Amino acid sequence: MIWLTILAMAALVFASRYLFLEPRLPVRLSKNTLAFLSYSAPAVLTAIFAPIVFIRQDQLDLSLDNSYLICAILAAFLAYTTRSVLLTTVLSMGLFFVIH
């Protein structure tokens, strides 16, 4: 049963990617759909990082000894000011390893 589930999910993921990436297929999305889908990446990333950054031991932690929060603030500031993904990643991870 596990193998059937894995193969079914693999087929589903492949089919959904193939429909939109194969240039010979006539599937085109409208501008409204593309605009709607542009919000999916920030929403998913926020859902992933928010519990990691803000919650510690099942409680909201906004203190200055929360190294995740400090580095997240630094990363947001660096991303806004430098617009460099590499610099933002390296500096915020470096600070995290130093203070954690």
PDB file of N, CA and C in Angstrom:
ATOM      1  N   MET A   1       0.812  -1.197   0.000  1.00  0.00           N
ATOM      2  CA  MET A   1       0.000   0.000   0.000  1.00  0.00           C
ATOM      3  C   MET A   1       0.855   1.260   0.000  1.00  0.00           C
ATOM      4  N   ILE A   2       1.985   1.218   0.700  1.00  0.00           N
ATOM      5  CA  ILE A   2       2.870   2.377   0.742  1.00  0.00           C
ATOM      6  C   ILE A   2       3.442   2.643  -0.646  1.00  0.00           C
ATOM      7  N   TRP A   3       3.861   1.585  -1.340  1.00  0.00           N
ATOM      8  CA  TRP A   3       4.413   1.765  -2.679  1.00  0.00           C
ATOM      9  C   TRP A   3       3.371   2.322  -3.638  1.00  0.00           C
ATOM     10  N   LEU A   4       2.147   1.886  -3.508  1.00  0.00           N
ATOM     11  CA  LEU A   4       1.076   2.406  -4.350  1.00  0.00           C
ATOM     12  C   LEU A   4       0.862   3.897  -4.092  1.00  0.00           C
ATOM     13  N   THR A   5       0.910   4.300  -2.843  1.00  0.00           N
ATOM     14  CA  THR A   5       0.760   5.706  -2.494  1.00  0.00           C
ATOM     15  C   THR A   5       1.914   6.534  -3.047  1.00  0.00           C
ATOM     16  N   ILE A   6       3.139   6.034  -2.910  1.00  0.00           N
ATOM     17  CA  ILE A   6       4.308   6.748  -3.427  1.00  0.00           C
ATOM     18  C   ILE A   6       4.231   6.888  -4.938  1.00  0.00           C
ATOM     19  N   LEU A   7       3.880   5.825  -5.639  1.00  0.00           N
ATOM     20  CA  LEU A   7       3.787   5.884  -7.103  1.00  0.00           C
ATOM     21  C   LEU A   7       2.641   6.793  -7.555  1.00  0.00           C
ATOM     22  N   ALA A   8       1.532   6.765  -6.843  1.00  0.00           N
ATOM     23  CA  ALA A   8       0.417   7.637  -7.200  1.00  0.00           C
ATOM     24  C   ALA A   8       0.777   9.106  -7.000  1.00  0.00           C
ATOM     25  N   MET A   9       1.456   9.420  -5.926  1.00  0.00           N
ATOM     26  CA  MET A   9       1.871  10.804  -5.695  1.00  0.00           C
ATOM     27  C   MET A   9       2.906  11.249  -6.710  1.00  0.00           C
ATOM     28  N   ALA A  10       3.828  10.354  -7.073  1.00  0.00           N
ATOM     29  CA  ALA A  10       4.819  10.680  -8.094  1.00  0.00           C
ATOM     30  C   ALA A  10       4.146  10.953  -9.438  1.00  0.00           C
ATOM     31  N   ALA A  11       3.164  10.140  -9.791  1.00  0.00           N
ATOM     32  CA  ALA A  11       2.439  10.345 -11.047  1.00  0.00           C
ATOM     33  C   ALA A  11       1.666  11.660 -11.021  1.00  0.00           C
ATOM     34  N   LEU A  12       1.056  11.977  -9.894  1.00  0.00           N
ATOM     35  CA  LEU A  12       0.303  13.219  -9.769  1.00  0.00           C
ATOM     36  C   LEU A  12       1.215  14.435  -9.897  1.00  0.00           C
ATOM     37  N   VAL A  13       2.352  14.412  -9.227  1.00  0.00           N
ATOM     38  CA  VAL A  13       3.290  15.531  -9.295  1.00  0.00           C
ATOM     39  C   VAL A  13       3.856  15.667 -10.705  1.00  0.00           C
ATOM     40  N   PHE A  14       4.232  14.555 -11.328  1.00  0.00           N
ATOM     41  CA  PHE A  14       4.770  14.616 -12.683  1.00  0.00           C
ATOM     42  C   PHE A  14       3.735  15.163 -13.657  1.00  0.00           C
ATOM     43  N   ALA A  15       2.508  14.694 -13.567  1.00  0.00           N
ATOM     44  CA  ALA A  15       1.469  15.146 -14.494  1.00  0.00           C
ATOM     45  C   ALA A  15       1.186  16.633 -14.318  1.00  0.00           C
ATOM     46  N   SER A  16       1.116  17.099 -13.084  1.00  0.00           N
ATOM     47  CA  SER A  16       0.833  18.517 -12.878  1.00  0.00           C
ATOM     48  C   SER A  16       1.977  19.400 -13.361  1.00  0.00           C
ATOM     49  N   ARG A  17       3.196  18.939 -13.228  1.00  0.00           N
ATOM     50  CA  ARG A  17       4.338  19.722 -13.739  1.00  0.00           C
ATOM     51  C   ARG A  17       4.403  19.655 -15.260  1.00  0.00           C
ATOM     52  N   TYR A  18       4.157  18.503 -15.818  1.00  0.00           N
ATOM     53  CA  TYR A  18       4.275  18.301 -17.258  1.00  0.00           C
ATOM     54  C   TYR A  18       3.259  19.149 -18.019  1.00  0.00           C
ATOM     55  N   LEU A  19       2.055  19.270 -17.487  1.00  0.00           N
ATOM     56  CA  LEU A  19       1.024  20.046 -18.174  1.00  0.00           C
ATOM     57  C   LEU A  19       1.418  21.497 -18.374  1.00  0.00           C
ATOM     58  N   PHE A  20       2.104  22.083 -17.394  1.00  0.00           N
ATOM     59  CA  PHE A  20       2.428  23.498 -17.482  1.00  0.00           C
ATOM     60  C   PHE A  20       3.824  23.774 -18.028  1.00  0.00           C
ATOM     61  N   LEU A  21       4.686  22.775 -18.080  1.00  0.00           N
ATOM     62  CA  LEU A  21       6.053  23.007 -18.544  1.00  0.00           C
ATOM     63  C   LEU A  21       6.300  22.539 -19.970  1.00  0.00           C
ATOM     64  N   GLU A  22       5.477  21.688 -20.495  1.00  0.00           N
ATOM     65  CA  GLU A  22       5.654  21.199 -21.862  1.00  0.00           C
ATOM     66  C   GLU A  22       5.139  22.254 -22.840  1.00  0.00           C
ATOM     67  N   PRO A  23       6.033  22.821 -23.664  1.00  0.00           N
ATOM     68  CA  PRO A  23       5.603  23.915 -24.549  1.00  0.00           C
ATOM     69  C   PRO A  23       4.667  23.475 -25.675  1.00  0.00           C
ATOM     70  N   ARG A  24       4.640  22.197 -26.026  1.00  0.00           N
ATOM     71  CA  ARG A  24       3.784  21.749 -27.126  1.00  0.00           C
ATOM     72  C   ARG A  24       2.333  21.562 -26.710  1.00  0.00           C
ATOM     73  N   LEU A  25       2.063  21.541 -25.422  1.00  0.00           N
ATOM     74  CA  LEU A  25       0.687  21.407 -24.954  1.00  0.00           C
ATOM     75  C   LEU A  25       0.016  22.781 -24.923  1.00  0.00           C
ATOM     76  N   PRO A  26      -1.237  22.873 -25.329  1.00  0.00           N
ATOM     77  CA  PRO A  26      -1.897  24.189 -25.428  1.00  0.00           C
ATOM     78  C   PRO A  26      -2.512  24.690 -24.118  1.00  0.00           C
ATOM     79  N   VAL A  27      -1.923  24.376 -22.992  1.00  0.00           N
ATOM     80  CA  VAL A  27      -2.464  24.832 -21.710  1.00  0.00           C
ATOM     81  C   VAL A  27      -1.833  26.183 -21.377  1.00  0.00           C
ATOM     82  N   ARG A  28      -2.661  27.201 -21.273  1.00  0.00           N
ATOM     83  CA  ARG A  28      -2.202  28.548 -20.917  1.00  0.00           C
ATOM     84  C   ARG A  28      -3.049  29.056 -19.763  1.00  0.00           C
ATOM     85  N   LEU A  29      -2.428  29.749 -18.854  1.00  0.00           N
ATOM     86  CA  LEU A  29      -3.142  30.301 -17.706  1.00  0.00           C
ATOM     87  C   LEU A  29      -3.469  31.766 -17.967  1.00  0.00           C
ATOM     88  N   SER A  30      -4.591  32.199 -17.444  1.00  0.00           N
ATOM     89  CA  SER A  30      -4.989  33.595 -17.630  1.00  0.00           C
ATOM     90  C   SER A  30      -4.128  34.503 -16.748  1.00  0.00           C
ATOM     91  N   LYS A  31      -4.200  35.794 -17.022  1.00  0.00           N
ATOM     92  CA  LYS A  31      -3.419  36.754 -16.237  1.00  0.00           C
ATOM     93  C   LYS A  31      -3.883  36.780 -14.786  1.00  0.00           C
ATOM     94  N   ASN A  32      -5.185  36.626 -14.566  1.00  0.00           N
ATOM     95  CA  ASN A  32      -5.694  36.599 -13.187  1.00  0.00           C
ATOM     96  C   ASN A  32      -5.164  35.393 -12.427  1.00  0.00           C
ATOM     97  N   THR A  33      -5.099  34.248 -13.078  1.00  0.00           N
ATOM     98  CA  THR A  33      -4.585  33.041 -12.430  1.00  0.00           C
ATOM     99  C   THR A  33      -3.095  33.190 -12.126  1.00  0.00           C
ATOM    100  N   LEU A  34      -2.337  33.747 -13.062  1.00  0.00           N
ATOM    101  CA  LEU A  34      -0.907  33.965 -12.828  1.00  0.00           C
ATOM    102  C   LEU A  34      -0.682  34.955 -11.688  1.00  0.00           C
ATOM    103  N   ALA A  35      -1.500  35.998 -11.632  1.00  0.00           N
ATOM    104  CA  ALA A  35      -1.378  36.958 -10.533  1.00  0.00           C
ATOM    105  C   ALA A  35      -1.712  36.291  -9.203  1.00  0.00           C
ATOM    106  N   PHE A  36      -2.742  35.457  -9.192  1.00  0.00           N
ATOM    107  CA  PHE A  36      -3.123  34.734  -7.984  1.00  0.00           C
ATOM    108  C   PHE A  36      -2.009  33.782  -7.541  1.00  0.00           C
ATOM    109  N   LEU A  37      -1.398  33.086  -8.479  1.00  0.00           N
ATOM    110  CA  LEU A  37      -0.334  32.133  -8.145  1.00  0.00           C
ATOM    111  C   LEU A  37       0.951  32.819  -7.699  1.00  0.00           C
ATOM    112  N   SER A  38       1.124  34.089  -8.026  1.00  0.00           N
ATOM    113  CA  SER A  38       2.339  34.787  -7.601  1.00  0.00           C
ATOM    114  C   SER A  38       2.399  34.965  -6.086  1.00  0.00           C
ATOM    115  N   TYR A  39       1.260  34.840  -5.416  1.00  0.00           N
ATOM    116  CA  TYR A  39       1.226  34.953  -3.953  1.00  0.00           C
ATOM    117  C   TYR A  39       1.492  33.629  -3.247  1.00  0.00           C
ATOM    118  N   SER A  40       1.571  32.535  -3.972  1.00  0.00           N
ATOM    119  CA  SER A  40       1.696  31.235  -3.316  1.00  0.00           C
ATOM    120  C   SER A  40       3.071  31.032  -2.673  1.00  0.00           C
ATOM    121  N   ALA A  41       4.140  31.445  -3.331  1.00  0.00           N
ATOM    122  CA  ALA A  41       5.479  31.248  -2.760  1.00  0.00           C
ATOM    123  C   ALA A  41       5.672  32.025  -1.458  1.00  0.00           C
ATOM    124  N   PRO A  42       5.344  33.325  -1.402  1.00  0.00           N
ATOM    125  CA  PRO A  42       5.485  34.010  -0.111  1.00  0.00           C
ATOM    126  C   PRO A  42       4.589  33.425   0.978  1.00  0.00           C
ATOM    127  N   ALA A  43       3.406  32.973   0.621  1.00  0.00           N
ATOM    128  CA  ALA A  43       2.507  32.400   1.620  1.00  0.00           C
ATOM    129  C   ALA A  43       3.066  31.098   2.187  1.00  0.00           C
ATOM    130  N   VAL A  44       3.597  30.255   1.329  1.00  0.00           N
ATOM    131  CA  VAL A  44       4.163  28.986   1.789  1.00  0.00           C
ATOM    132  C   VAL A  44       5.412  29.226   2.634  1.00  0.00           C
ATOM    133  N   LEU A  45       6.281  30.127   2.190  1.00  0.00           N
ATOM    134  CA  LEU A  45       7.493  30.416   2.961  1.00  0.00           C
ATOM    135  C   LEU A  45       7.167  31.012   4.327  1.00  0.00           C
ATOM    136  N   THR A  46       6.156  31.874   4.379  1.00  0.00           N
ATOM    137  CA  THR A  46       5.746  32.443   5.662  1.00  0.00           C
ATOM    138  C   THR A  46       5.202  31.362   6.593  1.00  0.00           C
ATOM    139  N   ALA A  47       4.423  30.456   6.053  1.00  0.00           N
ATOM    140  CA  ALA A  47       3.883  29.363   6.872  1.00  0.00           C
ATOM    141  C   ALA A  47       4.986  28.447   7.383  1.00  0.00           C
ATOM    142  N   ILE A  48       6.083  28.355   6.655  1.00  0.00           N
ATOM    143  CA  ILE A  48       7.197  27.508   7.095  1.00  0.00           C
ATOM    144  C   ILE A  48       8.042  28.216   8.150  1.00  0.00           C
ATOM    145  N   PHE A  49       8.412  29.472   7.900  1.00  0.00           N
ATOM    146  CA  PHE A  49       9.374  30.107   8.801  1.00  0.00           C
ATOM    147  C   PHE A  49       8.757  30.742  10.042  1.00  0.00           C
ATOM    148  N   ALA A  50       7.498  31.137  10.009  1.00  0.00           N
ATOM    149  CA  ALA A  50       6.903  31.832  11.159  1.00  0.00           C
ATOM    150  C   ALA A  50       6.931  31.000  12.443  1.00  0.00           C
ATOM    151  N   PRO A  51       6.536  29.734  12.425  1.00  0.00           N
ATOM    152  CA  PRO A  51       6.636  28.972  13.676  1.00  0.00           C
ATOM    153  C   PRO A  51       8.068  28.766  14.153  1.00  0.00           C
ATOM    154  N   ILE A  52       8.996  28.648  13.214  1.00  0.00           N
ATOM    155  CA  ILE A  52      10.402  28.450  13.595  1.00  0.00           C
ATOM    156  C   ILE A  52      10.952  29.698  14.270  1.00  0.00           C
ATOM    157  N   VAL A  53      10.625  30.858  13.729  1.00  0.00           N
ATOM    158  CA  VAL A  53      11.194  32.109  14.228  1.00  0.00           C
ATOM    159  C   VAL A  53      10.503  32.588  15.499  1.00  0.00           C
ATOM    160  N   PHE A  54       9.188  32.513  15.551  1.00  0.00           N
ATOM    161  CA  PHE A  54       8.450  33.170  16.627  1.00  0.00           C
ATOM    162  C   PHE A  54       8.040  32.269  17.781  1.00  0.00           C
ATOM    163  N   ILE A  55       8.074  30.958  17.616  1.00  0.00           N
ATOM    164  CA  ILE A  55       7.580  30.076  18.678  1.00  0.00           C
ATOM    165  C   ILE A  55       8.720  29.236  19.229  1.00  0.00           C
ATOM    166  N   ARG A  56       8.837  29.257  20.548  1.00  0.00           N
ATOM    167  CA  ARG A  56       9.824  28.426  21.232  1.00  0.00           C
ATOM    168  C   ARG A  56       9.163  27.854  22.467  1.00  0.00           C
ATOM    169  N   GLN A  57       9.249  26.561  22.641  1.00  0.00           N
ATOM    170  CA  GLN A  57       8.634  25.834  23.751  1.00  0.00           C
ATOM    171  C   GLN A  57       7.129  26.108  23.817  1.00  0.00           C
ATOM    172  N   ASP A  58       6.484  26.043  22.673  1.00  0.00           N
ATOM    173  CA  ASP A  58       5.033  26.191  22.531  1.00  0.00           C
ATOM    174  C   ASP A  58       4.490  27.542  22.988  1.00  0.00           C
ATOM    175  N   GLN A  59       5.333  28.577  22.993  1.00  0.00           N
ATOM    176  CA  GLN A  59       4.885  29.918  23.348  1.00  0.00           C
ATOM    177  C   GLN A  59       5.543  30.932  22.426  1.00  0.00           C
ATOM    178  N   LEU A  60       4.850  32.060  22.248  1.00  0.00           N
ATOM    179  CA  LEU A  60       5.391  33.151  21.451  1.00  0.00           C
ATOM    180  C   LEU A  60       6.618  33.715  22.137  1.00  0.00           C
ATOM    181  N   ASP A  61       7.724  33.828  21.396  1.00  0.00           N
ATOM    182  CA  ASP A  61       8.979  34.308  21.976  1.00  0.00           C
ATOM    183  C   ASP A  61       9.486  35.490  21.159  1.00  0.00           C
ATOM    184  N   LEU A  62       9.328  36.690  21.706  1.00  0.00           N
ATOM    185  CA  LEU A  62       9.803  37.901  21.041  1.00  0.00           C
ATOM    186  C   LEU A  62      10.955  38.545  21.806  1.00  0.00           C
ATOM    187  N   SER A  63      11.672  37.756  22.584  1.00  0.00           N
ATOM    188  CA  SER A  63      12.749  38.293  23.408  1.00  0.00           C
ATOM    189  C   SER A  63      14.037  38.432  22.591  1.00  0.00           C
ATOM    190  N   LEU A  64      14.992  39.171  23.148  1.00  0.00           N
ATOM    191  CA  LEU A  64      16.260  39.397  22.459  1.00  0.00           C
ATOM    192  C   LEU A  64      17.208  38.205  22.548  1.00  0.00           C
ATOM    193  N   ASP A  65      16.883  37.194  23.339  1.00  0.00           N
ATOM    194  CA  ASP A  65      17.732  36.006  23.366  1.00  0.00           C
ATOM    195  C   ASP A  65      17.249  34.943  22.371  1.00  0.00           C
ATOM    196  N   ASN A  66      16.262  35.267  21.544  1.00  0.00           N
ATOM    197  CA  ASN A  66      15.795  34.375  20.488  1.00  0.00           C
ATOM    198  C   ASN A  66      16.674  34.596  19.256  1.00  0.00           C
ATOM    199  N   SER A  67      17.640  33.708  19.051  1.00  0.00           N
ATOM    200  CA  SER A  67      18.591  33.887  17.944  1.00  0.00           C
ATOM    201  C   SER A  67      17.920  33.764  16.587  1.00  0.00           C
ATOM    202  N   TYR A  68      16.865  32.989  16.500  1.00  0.00           N
ATOM    203  CA  TYR A  68      16.128  32.878  15.239  1.00  0.00           C
ATOM    204  C   TYR A  68      15.498  34.216  14.861  1.00  0.00           C
ATOM    205  N   LEU A  69      14.921  34.889  15.830  1.00  0.00           N
ATOM    206  CA  LEU A  69      14.271  36.173  15.581  1.00  0.00           C
ATOM    207  C   LEU A  69      15.287  37.240  15.197  1.00  0.00           C
ATOM    208  N   ILE A  70      16.401  37.291  15.893  1.00  0.00           N
ATOM    209  CA  ILE A  70      17.435  38.279  15.590  1.00  0.00           C
ATOM    210  C   ILE A  70      17.957  38.090  14.172  1.00  0.00           C
ATOM    211  N   CYS A  71      18.235  36.866  13.814  1.00  0.00           N
ATOM    212  CA  CYS A  71      18.767  36.608  12.470  1.00  0.00           C
ATOM    213  C   CYS A  71      17.706  36.809  11.395  1.00  0.00           C
ATOM    214  N   ALA A  72      16.452  36.557  11.705  1.00  0.00           N
ATOM    215  CA  ALA A  72      15.381  36.816  10.742  1.00  0.00           C
ATOM    216  C   ALA A  72      15.230  38.314  10.490  1.00  0.00           C
ATOM    217  N   ILE A  73      15.343  39.107  11.533  1.00  0.00           N
ATOM    218  CA  ILE A  73      15.273  40.559  11.373  1.00  0.00           C
ATOM    219  C   ILE A  73      16.454  41.056  10.547  1.00  0.00           C
ATOM    220  N   LEU A  74      17.645  40.533  10.838  1.00  0.00           N
ATOM    221  CA  LEU A  74      18.819  40.901  10.051  1.00  0.00           C
ATOM    222  C   LEU A  74      18.653  40.492   8.590  1.00  0.00           C
ATOM    223  N   ALA A  75      18.149  39.295   8.354  1.00  0.00           N
ATOM    224  CA  ALA A  75      17.961  38.819   6.983  1.00  0.00           C
ATOM    225  C   ALA A  75      16.950  39.680   6.233  1.00  0.00           C
ATOM    226  N   ALA A  76      15.867  40.067   6.895  1.00  0.00           N
ATOM    227  CA  ALA A  76      14.872  40.928   6.242  1.00  0.00           C
ATOM    228  C   ALA A  76      15.466  42.290   5.915  1.00  0.00           C
ATOM    229  N   PHE A  77      16.248  42.841   6.844  1.00  0.00           N
ATOM    230  CA  PHE A  77      16.897  44.129   6.604  1.00  0.00           C
ATOM    231  C   PHE A  77      17.901  44.042   5.455  1.00  0.00           C
ATOM    232  N   LEU A  78      18.734  43.002   5.472  1.00  0.00           N
ATOM    233  CA  LEU A  78      19.719  42.834   4.402  1.00  0.00           C
ATOM    234  C   LEU A  78      19.054  42.593   3.050  1.00  0.00           C
ATOM    235  N   ALA A  79      17.998  41.807   3.028  1.00  0.00           N
ATOM    236  CA  ALA A  79      17.299  41.552   1.766  1.00  0.00           C
ATOM    237  C   ALA A  79      16.695  42.831   1.214  1.00  0.00           C
ATOM    238  N   TYR A  80      16.171  43.674   2.092  1.00  0.00           N
ATOM    239  CA  TYR A  80      15.561  44.920   1.650  1.00  0.00           C
ATOM    240  C   TYR A  80      16.604  45.919   1.163  1.00  0.00           C
ATOM    241  N   THR A  81      17.737  46.001   1.848  1.00  0.00           N
ATOM    242  CA  THR A  81      18.731  47.018   1.502  1.00  0.00           C
ATOM    243  C   THR A  81      19.673  46.594   0.387  1.00  0.00           C
ATOM    244  N   THR A  82      20.122  45.337   0.387  1.00  0.00           N
ATOM    245  CA  THR A  82      21.133  44.922  -0.591  1.00  0.00           C
ATOM    246  C   THR A  82      20.540  44.277  -1.833  1.00  0.00           C
ATOM    247  N   ARG A  83      19.367  43.674  -1.724  1.00  0.00           N
ATOM    248  CA  ARG A  83      18.741  42.931  -2.837  1.00  0.00           C
ATOM    249  C   ARG A  83      19.631  41.806  -3.343  1.00  0.00           C
ATOM    250  N   SER A  84      20.511  41.299  -2.479  1.00  0.00           N
ATOM    251  CA  SER A  84      21.417  40.212  -2.838  1.00  0.00           C
ATOM    252  C   SER A  84      21.068  38.976  -2.017  1.00  0.00           C
ATOM    253  N   VAL A  85      20.631  37.932  -2.692  1.00  0.00           N
ATOM    254  CA  VAL A  85      20.253  36.703  -1.997  1.00  0.00           C
ATOM    255  C   VAL A  85      21.463  36.054  -1.346  1.00  0.00           C
ATOM    256  N   LEU A  86      22.577  35.997  -2.060  1.00  0.00           N
ATOM    257  CA  LEU A  86      23.783  35.357  -1.532  1.00  0.00           C
ATOM    258  C   LEU A  86      24.302  36.083  -0.299  1.00  0.00           C
ATOM    259  N   LEU A  87      24.428  37.393  -0.380  1.00  0.00           N
ATOM    260  CA  LEU A  87      24.932  38.167   0.762  1.00  0.00           C
ATOM    261  C   LEU A  87      23.994  38.040   1.963  1.00  0.00           C
ATOM    262  N   THR A  88      22.707  38.121   1.725  1.00  0.00           N
ATOM    263  CA  THR A  88      21.733  37.983   2.809  1.00  0.00           C
ATOM    264  C   THR A  88      21.832  36.620   3.470  1.00  0.00           C
ATOM    265  N   THR A  89      21.918  35.574   2.672  1.00  0.00           N
ATOM    266  CA  THR A  89      21.994  34.217   3.206  1.00  0.00           C
ATOM    267  C   THR A  89      23.266  33.998   4.006  1.00  0.00           C
ATOM    268  N   VAL A  90      24.392  34.385   3.444  1.00  0.00           N
ATOM    269  CA  VAL A  90      25.682  34.144   4.100  1.00  0.00           C
ATOM    270  C   VAL A  90      25.797  34.935   5.404  1.00  0.00           C
ATOM    271  N   LEU A  91      25.444  36.203   5.375  1.00  0.00           N
ATOM    272  CA  LEU A  91      25.587  37.011   6.588  1.00  0.00           C
ATOM    273  C   LEU A  91      24.609  36.603   7.688  1.00  0.00           C
ATOM    274  N   SER A  92      23.364  36.339   7.334  1.00  0.00           N
ATOM    275  CA  SER A  92      22.418  35.955   8.377  1.00  0.00           C
ATOM    276  C   SER A  92      22.725  34.564   8.933  1.00  0.00           C
ATOM    277  N   MET A  93      23.166  33.640   8.087  1.00  0.00           N
ATOM    278  CA  MET A  93      23.561  32.321   8.602  1.00  0.00           C
ATOM    279  C   MET A  93      24.828  32.419   9.436  1.00  0.00           C
ATOM    280  N   GLY A  94      25.763  33.259   9.021  1.00  0.00           N
ATOM    281  CA  GLY A  94      26.987  33.454   9.805  1.00  0.00           C
ATOM    282  C   GLY A  94      26.688  33.999  11.188  1.00  0.00           C
ATOM    283  N   LEU A  95      25.803  35.004  11.251  1.00  0.00           N
ATOM    284  CA  LEU A  95      25.422  35.546  12.549  1.00  0.00           C
ATOM    285  C   LEU A  95      24.714  34.492  13.393  1.00  0.00           C
ATOM    286  N   PHE A  96      23.867  33.693  12.755  1.00  0.00           N
ATOM    287  CA  PHE A  96      23.157  32.659  13.508  1.00  0.00           C
ATOM    288  C   PHE A  96      24.139  31.651  14.113  1.00  0.00           C
ATOM    289  N   PHE A  97      25.143  31.227  13.353  1.00  0.00           N
ATOM    290  CA  PHE A  97      26.101  30.262  13.885  1.00  0.00           C
ATOM    291  C   PHE A  97      26.977  30.884  14.979  1.00  0.00           C
ATOM    292  N   VAL A  98      27.217  32.173  14.901  1.00  0.00           N
ATOM    293  CA  VAL A  98      28.013  32.838  15.944  1.00  0.00           C
ATOM    294  C   VAL A  98      27.234  32.958  17.245  1.00  0.00           C
ATOM    295  N   ILE A  99      25.961  33.380  17.175  1.00  0.00           N
ATOM    296  CA  ILE A  99      25.216  33.609  18.422  1.00  0.00           C
ATOM    297  C   ILE A  99      24.464  32.381  18.915  1.00  0.00           C
ATOM    298  N   HIS A 100      24.304  31.381  18.084  1.00  0.00           N
ATOM    299  CA  HIS A 100      23.586  30.182  18.522  1.00  0.00           C
ATOM    300  C   HIS A 100      24.622  29.204  19.013  1.00  0.00           C
TER     301      HIS A 100
END
